Amino acid sequence: MKKKKIEKETIVRTAVLAFALINQVLTISGYSPLPFTDDGVGQAVSMALTAAASAWAWWKNNSFTQPAITADEHLKALKSK
């Protein structure tokens, strides 16, 4: 049986989670590991939400025309068979 490799996306997600958890523990302990002000954090959160919404809207299939909507329904019917 061939041993499968861990996907790099899994490693990146785990590293980001570890960074966030360490940052949270340091913040609770009274240390400021990241040099951000409250305004800077608010702007960063707003930017992250905007980037996430933009990426999601771009990634998803956004059918506006009737031919595109009909094609989506046809594709959905083909996939359900």
Protein backbone atom coordinates (compact mmCIF):
# COMPACT_ATOMS: atom_id res chain seq x y z
CA MET A 1 0.00 0.00 0.00
CA LYS A 2 1.41 3.39 -1.04
CA LYS A 3 1.85 5.94 1.73
CA LYS A 4 0.00 9.17 0.92
CA LYS A 5 1.58 12.57 1.50
CA ILE A 6 0.01 15.29 3.60
CA GLU A 7 -1.36 18.02 1.36
CA LYS A 8 0.43 21.35 1.62
CA GLU A 9 -2.91 23.09 2.20
CA THR A 10 -3.33 21.01 5.37
CA ILE A 11 0.09 22.10 6.59
CA VAL A 12 -0.63 25.77 5.83
CA ARG A 13 -4.01 25.66 7.62
CA THR A 14 -2.40 23.99 10.65
CA ALA A 15 0.42 26.57 10.75
CA VAL A 16 -2.04 29.47 10.53
CA LEU A 17 -4.14 27.94 13.31
CA ALA A 18 -1.06 27.45 15.52
CA PHE A 19 0.00 31.06 14.87
CA ALA A 20 -3.49 32.32 15.77
CA LEU A 21 -3.61 30.24 18.96
CA ILE A 22 -0.15 31.39 20.08
CA ASN A 23 -1.09 34.99 19.31
CA GLN A 24 -4.30 34.61 21.34
CA VAL A 25 -2.47 33.14 24.35
CA LEU A 26 0.12 35.94 24.26
CA THR A 27 -2.60 38.59 23.98
CA ILE A 28 -4.53 37.14 26.93
CA SER A 29 -1.26 37.09 28.92
CA GLY A 30 -0.82 40.82 28.36
CA TYR A 31 1.77 40.71 25.60
CA SER A 32 1.24 42.37 22.26
CA PRO A 33 2.95 40.04 19.78
CA LEU A 34 1.63 41.92 16.77
CA PRO A 35 2.23 45.66 16.46
CA PHE A 36 -1.37 46.62 15.68
CA THR A 37 -3.58 49.28 17.20
CA ASP A 38 -7.31 48.72 17.67
CA ASP A 39 -7.95 50.74 14.52
CA GLY A 40 -5.42 48.65 12.62
CA VAL A 41 -7.11 45.44 13.75
CA GLY A 42 -10.50 46.76 12.67
CA GLN A 43 -9.13 47.67 9.27
CA ALA A 44 -7.44 44.27 8.93
CA VAL A 45 -10.68 42.44 9.81
CA SER A 46 -12.61 44.57 7.33
CA MET A 47 -10.02 43.90 4.64
CA ALA A 48 -10.06 40.15 5.36
CA LEU A 49 -13.87 40.02 5.13
CA THR A 50 -13.83 41.98 1.88
CA ALA A 51 -11.13 39.73 0.41
CA ALA A 52 -12.99 36.58 1.49
CA ALA A 53 -16.29 37.80 0.06
CA SER A 54 -14.58 38.82 -3.18
CA ALA A 55 -12.85 35.47 -3.55
CA TRP A 56 -16.05 33.58 -2.79
CA ALA A 57 -18.08 35.61 -5.29
CA TRP A 58 -15.37 35.19 -7.93
CA TRP A 59 -14.99 31.44 -7.34
CA LYS A 60 -18.67 30.52 -7.45
CA ASN A 61 -20.55 30.18 -10.69
CA ASN A 62 -22.59 33.38 -11.02
CA SER A 63 -25.11 32.85 -13.79
CA PHE A 64 -27.05 35.99 -14.64
CA THR A 65 -28.32 35.33 -18.17
CA GLN A 66 -31.18 32.97 -19.00
CA PRO A 67 -28.98 30.73 -21.19
CA ALA A 68 -26.48 30.38 -18.34
CA ILE A 69 -29.22 29.58 -15.80
CA THR A 70 -30.69 26.99 -18.18
CA ALA A 71 -27.24 25.47 -18.69
CA ASP A 72 -26.77 25.24 -14.90
CA GLU A 73 -30.08 23.41 -14.54
CA HIS A 74 -29.11 21.03 -17.36
CA LEU A 75 -25.74 20.35 -15.74
CA LYS A 76 -27.38 19.73 -12.37
CA ALA A 77 -29.79 17.25 -14.01
CA LEU A 78 -26.89 15.44 -15.70
CA LYS A 79 -24.96 15.18 -12.43
CA SER A 80 -27.96 13.75 -10.55
CA LYS A 81 -28.29 10.80 -12.96
